Amino acid sequence: MVIAIAGVLVLGLGGGAAWYFTQGKGDGEHKEEVKKAEKPEFVVLENFTVNLQPETGEQYLQIGMTLQVSSLEQVELIKTNMARVRSRVLLLLSAKKASELTTTEGKGQLAKEIIAAVNQPFVEKSKPQEVRDVLFTSFIIQ
């Protein structure tokens, strides 16, 4: 009888410990990390106006965008290097044709290309930037 009671106590303590480590304090720390990681930071870029590659005459693109980055440090890094950011984006945009940008897929591809261009390190052999998304705030092709 004593062995049965001891077994029940051991199982109860084991179950309680398992619950504590999976639902207790450890899980709260995980939730806090997720909240910190999910808080977006944004960098608003001035509008760009570029001539597009000719297809059927002169066309230009006027575009506004905001970059979503991983932290305030990234915001400051991008603001400090804004001339490089704008140059990279201008070169990318001016190489496009209007037909490449009119579809939703084309705009999505452009966003990926902008992220790749801006994420290239500003200084050789340093860490890349952490731009996570490009949000278009205006998009006009004429």
Foldseek 3Di string as FASTA:
>chain_A
DVVVVVVVVVVVVVVVVVCCCVPNDVVVVVVVVVVLQPDKDKDWDDWDKEWADDDPDTKIKIWTKMWIFRDVVLNVVCVVVVVQLVVQLRVLRRDHDVVLCPDPVSVVVSFVVSCVSQQDDPDPPDGGGGTDTMGIPDIDMD
